[in-house]
C-alpha cells in the first residue's frame, strides 16, 4: 500500500480507487444518507442515529468496493485520509468535477 505525506498526494490515489461509476454512486448515496442520519440525530436528540450514519456511510461504500470496484477500501490503510477523501469526492461530485 502506498504511503502519503499529505492529503494532496493521497486524493489522486483515492480517485483512482473509485473508477467504477457504481462504486462512486454508492459512495454518493451513502454520504447523503449520513447527512440525513445526522439531521435525524440532531432533530430527535438520539445517539442511535449516529450509529446509523456510520453504518450507512461505510455500508454503501464498502458494497461499492467489494462488489463493483473489486478492491480493498482505503479506510483500512489510510482511515483519516479516506474519510476526508469521501467528503471531498462528495463535494466534487456536487460541483461536477467528478462524474457519477
N, C-alpha and C. Protein backbone atom coordinates (compact mmCIF):
# COMPACT_ATOMS: atom_id res chain seq x y z
N UNK A 1 0.85 -1.18 0.00
CA UNK A 1 0.00 0.00 0.00
C UNK A 1 0.89 1.25 0.00
N UNK A 2 0.65 2.17 -0.91
CA UNK A 2 1.47 3.38 -0.96
C UNK A 2 1.32 4.22 0.31
N UNK A 3 2.37 4.97 0.61
CA UNK A 3 2.35 5.89 1.74
C UNK A 3 2.24 7.31 1.22
N UNK A 4 1.58 8.17 1.98
CA UNK A 4 1.36 9.54 1.56
C UNK A 4 1.73 10.48 2.70
N UNK A 5 2.33 11.60 2.35
CA UNK A 5 2.71 12.57 3.38
C UNK A 5 1.71 13.71 3.48
N UNK A 6 0.70 13.73 2.59
CA UNK A 6 -0.31 14.78 2.65
C UNK A 6 -1.58 14.29 1.95
N UNK A 7 -2.68 14.94 2.27
CA UNK A 7 -3.93 14.61 1.60
C UNK A 7 -3.84 14.96 0.12
N UNK A 8 -3.12 16.01 -0.20
CA UNK A 8 -2.95 16.41 -1.61
C UNK A 8 -2.33 15.27 -2.42
N UNK A 9 -1.41 14.54 -1.83
CA UNK A 9 -0.82 13.39 -2.51
C UNK A 9 -1.79 12.22 -2.56
N UNK A 10 -2.58 12.07 -1.51
CA UNK A 10 -3.48 10.92 -1.38
C UNK A 10 -4.68 11.00 -2.32
N UNK A 11 -5.25 12.19 -2.51
CA UNK A 11 -6.52 12.31 -3.22
C UNK A 11 -6.50 11.74 -4.65
N UNK A 12 -5.47 11.97 -5.46
CA UNK A 12 -5.46 11.31 -6.79
C UNK A 12 -5.50 9.78 -6.69
N UNK A 13 -4.81 9.23 -5.70
CA UNK A 13 -4.87 7.79 -5.46
C UNK A 13 -6.30 7.38 -5.09
N UNK A 14 -6.91 8.16 -4.22
CA UNK A 14 -8.29 7.88 -3.78
C UNK A 14 -9.23 7.85 -4.98
N UNK A 15 -9.13 8.83 -5.85
CA UNK A 15 -9.98 8.86 -7.05
C UNK A 15 -9.71 7.66 -7.96
N UNK A 16 -8.46 7.26 -8.05
CA UNK A 16 -8.10 6.09 -8.87
C UNK A 16 -8.76 4.82 -8.32
N UNK A 17 -8.92 4.76 -7.02
CA UNK A 17 -9.55 3.61 -6.38
C UNK A 17 -11.08 3.65 -6.50
N UNK A 18 -11.60 4.69 -7.14
CA UNK A 18 -13.04 4.87 -7.32
C UNK A 18 -13.38 5.10 -8.80
N UNK A 19 -12.79 4.31 -9.66
CA UNK A 19 -13.02 4.46 -11.10
C UNK A 19 -14.39 3.94 -11.53
N UNK A 20 -14.91 2.96 -10.82
CA UNK A 20 -16.18 2.35 -11.19
C UNK A 20 -17.33 3.30 -10.85
N UNK A 21 -18.17 3.57 -11.84
CA UNK A 21 -19.29 4.50 -11.67
C UNK A 21 -20.25 4.07 -10.57
N UNK A 22 -20.56 2.79 -10.51
CA UNK A 22 -21.49 2.31 -9.48
C UNK A 22 -20.90 2.52 -8.10
N UNK A 23 -19.62 2.28 -7.95
CA UNK A 23 -18.96 2.50 -6.66
C UNK A 23 -19.08 3.97 -6.24
N UNK A 24 -18.79 4.88 -7.17
CA UNK A 24 -18.90 6.31 -6.85
C UNK A 24 -20.33 6.68 -6.50
N UNK A 25 -21.27 6.13 -7.23
CA UNK A 25 -22.69 6.42 -6.93
C UNK A 25 -23.08 5.91 -5.55
N UNK A 26 -22.61 4.73 -5.21
CA UNK A 26 -22.91 4.20 -3.88
C UNK A 26 -22.29 5.06 -2.78
N UNK A 27 -21.07 5.54 -3.00
CA UNK A 27 -20.46 6.47 -2.04
C UNK A 27 -21.32 7.72 -1.89
N UNK A 28 -21.76 8.24 -3.02
CA UNK A 28 -22.56 9.47 -3.03
C UNK A 28 -23.88 9.26 -2.27
N UNK A 29 -24.56 8.16 -2.54
CA UNK A 29 -25.81 7.85 -1.85
C UNK A 29 -25.55 7.67 -0.35
N UNK A 30 -24.49 6.95 -0.02
CA UNK A 30 -24.15 6.75 1.38
C UNK A 30 -23.86 8.06 2.10
N UNK A 31 -23.20 8.99 1.42
CA UNK A 31 -22.89 10.28 2.03
C UNK A 31 -24.17 11.07 2.29
N UNK A 32 -25.11 11.05 1.34
CA UNK A 32 -26.40 11.70 1.57
C UNK A 32 -27.10 11.04 2.75
N UNK A 33 -27.01 9.72 2.83
CA UNK A 33 -27.61 9.00 3.96
C UNK A 33 -27.00 9.41 5.29
N UNK A 34 -25.69 9.59 5.30
CA UNK A 34 -25.01 10.06 6.52
C UNK A 34 -25.57 11.42 6.94
N UNK A 35 -25.69 12.33 5.98
CA UNK A 35 -26.21 13.66 6.29
C UNK A 35 -27.64 13.57 6.83
N UNK A 36 -28.46 12.71 6.23
CA UNK A 36 -29.83 12.53 6.71
C UNK A 36 -29.86 11.96 8.12
N UNK A 37 -29.00 10.99 8.39
CA UNK A 37 -28.93 10.39 9.74
C UNK A 37 -28.46 11.42 10.76
N UNK A 38 -27.49 12.23 10.40
CA UNK A 38 -27.01 13.27 11.32
C UNK A 38 -28.11 14.29 11.59
N UNK A 39 -28.88 14.64 10.57
CA UNK A 39 -30.01 15.56 10.77
C UNK A 39 -31.03 14.94 11.72
N UNK A 40 -31.31 13.66 11.55
CA UNK A 40 -32.25 12.98 12.44
C UNK A 40 -31.72 12.91 13.87
N UNK A 41 -30.42 12.70 14.01
CA UNK A 41 -29.82 12.66 15.35
C UNK A 41 -30.00 13.99 16.05
N UNK A 42 -29.81 15.08 15.32
CA UNK A 42 -30.00 16.41 15.90
C UNK A 42 -31.47 16.68 16.19
N UNK A 43 -32.33 16.31 15.26
CA UNK A 43 -33.75 16.59 15.40
C UNK A 43 -34.37 15.80 16.55
N UNK A 44 -33.99 14.51 16.64
CA UNK A 44 -34.58 13.65 17.67
C UNK A 44 -33.74 13.58 18.94
N UNK A 45 -32.53 14.09 18.88
CA UNK A 45 -31.65 14.02 20.05
C UNK A 45 -31.30 12.59 20.42
N UNK A 46 -31.18 11.74 19.42
CA UNK A 46 -30.92 10.32 19.65
C UNK A 46 -29.58 9.91 19.08
N UNK A 47 -28.74 9.34 19.93
CA UNK A 47 -27.43 8.87 19.50
C UNK A 47 -27.48 7.67 18.59
N UNK A 48 -28.59 6.95 18.58
CA UNK A 48 -28.66 5.77 17.71
C UNK A 48 -28.59 6.17 16.24
N UNK A 49 -28.97 7.39 15.91
CA UNK A 49 -28.85 7.86 14.53
C UNK A 49 -27.38 8.02 14.14
N UNK A 50 -26.51 8.24 15.12
CA UNK A 50 -25.07 8.34 14.81
C UNK A 50 -24.53 6.99 14.36
N UNK A 51 -24.99 5.94 15.03
CA UNK A 51 -24.60 4.59 14.60
C UNK A 51 -25.16 4.30 13.20
N UNK A 52 -26.39 4.73 12.97
CA UNK A 52 -26.99 4.55 11.64
C UNK A 52 -26.19 5.30 10.58
N UNK A 53 -25.68 6.48 10.93
CA UNK A 53 -24.86 7.26 9.99
C UNK A 53 -23.60 6.49 9.61
N UNK A 54 -22.94 5.91 10.60
CA UNK A 54 -21.73 5.12 10.32
C UNK A 54 -22.05 3.92 9.43
N UNK A 55 -23.09 3.20 9.78
CA UNK A 55 -23.47 2.02 9.00
C UNK A 55 -23.86 2.40 7.58
N UNK A 56 -24.57 3.49 7.43
CA UNK A 56 -25.00 3.93 6.10
C UNK A 56 -23.79 4.32 5.24
N UNK A 57 -22.95 5.18 5.79
CA UNK A 57 -21.80 5.66 5.03
C UNK A 57 -20.85 4.55 4.63
N UNK A 58 -20.43 3.79 5.62
CA UNK A 58 -19.47 2.73 5.31
C UNK A 58 -20.12 1.56 4.59
N UNK A 59 -21.38 1.27 4.90
CA UNK A 59 -22.07 0.16 4.23
C UNK A 59 -22.16 0.35 2.73
N UNK A 60 -22.65 1.52 2.31
CA UNK A 60 -22.75 1.78 0.88
C UNK A 60 -21.38 1.78 0.22
N UNK A 61 -20.41 2.41 0.87
CA UNK A 61 -19.06 2.50 0.28
C UNK A 61 -18.43 1.12 0.14
N UNK A 62 -18.54 0.31 1.17
CA UNK A 62 -17.89 -0.99 1.13
C UNK A 62 -18.56 -1.94 0.14
N UNK A 63 -19.86 -1.84 0.00
CA UNK A 63 -20.53 -2.64 -1.05
C UNK A 63 -19.97 -2.23 -2.41
N UNK A 64 -19.80 -0.93 -2.61
CA UNK A 64 -19.23 -0.44 -3.87
C UNK A 64 -17.85 -1.00 -4.14
N UNK A 65 -17.03 -1.05 -3.10
CA UNK A 65 -15.66 -1.54 -3.28
C UNK A 65 -15.62 -3.05 -3.48
N UNK A 66 -16.30 -3.79 -2.62
CA UNK A 66 -16.19 -5.24 -2.66
C UNK A 66 -16.88 -5.86 -3.87
N UNK A 67 -18.00 -5.28 -4.32
CA UNK A 67 -18.79 -5.91 -5.38
C UNK A 67 -18.63 -5.26 -6.75
N UNK A 68 -18.28 -3.99 -6.79
CA UNK A 68 -18.20 -3.31 -8.08
C UNK A 68 -16.77 -2.87 -8.43
N UNK A 69 -16.10 -2.24 -7.50
CA UNK A 69 -14.73 -1.79 -7.75
C UNK A 69 -13.76 -2.96 -7.64
N UNK A 70 -14.14 -3.93 -6.80
CA UNK A 70 -13.33 -5.13 -6.56
C UNK A 70 -11.93 -4.78 -6.03
N UNK A 71 -11.92 -3.88 -5.06
CA UNK A 71 -10.66 -3.55 -4.39
C UNK A 71 -10.92 -3.38 -2.90
N UNK A 72 -9.86 -3.16 -2.17
CA UNK A 72 -9.94 -3.02 -0.71
C UNK A 72 -10.10 -1.54 -0.39
N UNK A 73 -11.11 -1.17 0.40
CA UNK A 73 -11.30 0.24 0.73
C UNK A 73 -10.07 0.85 1.41
N UNK A 74 -9.76 2.07 1.04
CA UNK A 74 -8.61 2.78 1.62
C UNK A 74 -8.79 3.03 3.11
N UNK A 75 -10.01 2.88 3.60
CA UNK A 75 -10.29 3.05 5.03
C UNK A 75 -9.40 2.16 5.88
N UNK A 76 -9.09 0.97 5.37
CA UNK A 76 -8.31 0.01 6.15
C UNK A 76 -6.84 0.40 6.28
N UNK A 77 -6.32 1.15 5.31
CA UNK A 77 -4.90 1.51 5.37
C UNK A 77 -4.68 3.00 5.65
N UNK A 78 -5.62 3.84 5.28
CA UNK A 78 -5.50 5.29 5.47
C UNK A 78 -6.84 5.83 5.97
N UNK A 79 -7.23 5.51 7.21
CA UNK A 79 -8.59 5.85 7.66
C UNK A 79 -8.91 7.35 7.64
N UNK A 80 -8.01 8.19 8.09
CA UNK A 80 -8.31 9.62 8.12
C UNK A 80 -8.39 10.20 6.72
N UNK A 81 -7.37 9.94 5.90
CA UNK A 81 -7.37 10.45 4.53
C UNK A 81 -8.58 9.92 3.74
N UNK A 82 -8.93 8.67 3.98
CA UNK A 82 -10.07 8.08 3.29
C UNK A 82 -11.37 8.78 3.69
N UNK A 83 -11.53 9.05 4.97
CA UNK A 83 -12.73 9.75 5.45
C UNK A 83 -12.83 11.13 4.81
N UNK A 84 -11.73 11.86 4.81
CA UNK A 84 -11.71 13.19 4.20
C UNK A 84 -11.94 13.06 2.69
N UNK A 85 -11.30 12.07 2.07
CA UNK A 85 -11.44 11.86 0.62
C UNK A 85 -12.88 11.62 0.21
N UNK A 86 -13.62 10.89 1.03
CA UNK A 86 -15.01 10.62 0.71
C UNK A 86 -15.81 11.92 0.65
N UNK A 87 -15.56 12.82 1.59
CA UNK A 87 -16.32 14.08 1.61
C UNK A 87 -15.83 15.04 0.53
N UNK A 88 -14.55 15.02 0.23
CA UNK A 88 -14.05 15.86 -0.87
C UNK A 88 -14.64 15.35 -2.19
N UNK A 89 -14.67 14.02 -2.37
CA UNK A 89 -15.26 13.47 -3.59
C UNK A 89 -16.75 13.81 -3.66
N UNK A 90 -17.45 13.74 -2.53
CA UNK A 90 -18.87 14.10 -2.48
C UNK A 90 -19.07 15.53 -2.99
N UNK A 91 -18.27 16.46 -2.47
CA UNK A 91 -18.37 17.86 -2.91
C UNK A 91 -17.97 17.99 -4.37
N UNK A 92 -16.93 17.27 -4.79
CA UNK A 92 -16.51 17.32 -6.19
C UNK A 92 -17.60 16.80 -7.12
N UNK A 93 -18.36 15.80 -6.68
CA UNK A 93 -19.48 15.29 -7.48
C UNK A 93 -20.56 16.37 -7.56
N UNK A 94 -20.87 17.00 -6.44
CA UNK A 94 -21.87 18.06 -6.45
C UNK A 94 -21.47 19.22 -7.37
N UNK A 95 -20.18 19.51 -7.43
CA UNK A 95 -19.68 20.60 -8.26
C UNK A 95 -19.47 20.20 -9.72
N UNK A 96 -19.65 18.92 -10.02
CA UNK A 96 -19.47 18.44 -11.38
C UNK A 96 -18.02 18.17 -11.75
N UNK A 97 -17.13 18.11 -10.77
CA UNK A 97 -15.72 17.83 -11.03
C UNK A 97 -15.43 16.33 -11.14
N UNK A 98 -16.28 15.53 -10.52
CA UNK A 98 -16.18 14.08 -10.59
C UNK A 98 -17.53 13.57 -11.10
N UNK A 99 -17.48 12.74 -12.11
CA UNK A 99 -18.72 12.25 -12.74
C UNK A 99 -19.32 11.09 -11.97
N UNK A 100 -20.63 11.05 -11.96
CA UNK A 100 -21.33 9.85 -11.47
C UNK A 100 -22.30 9.46 -12.54
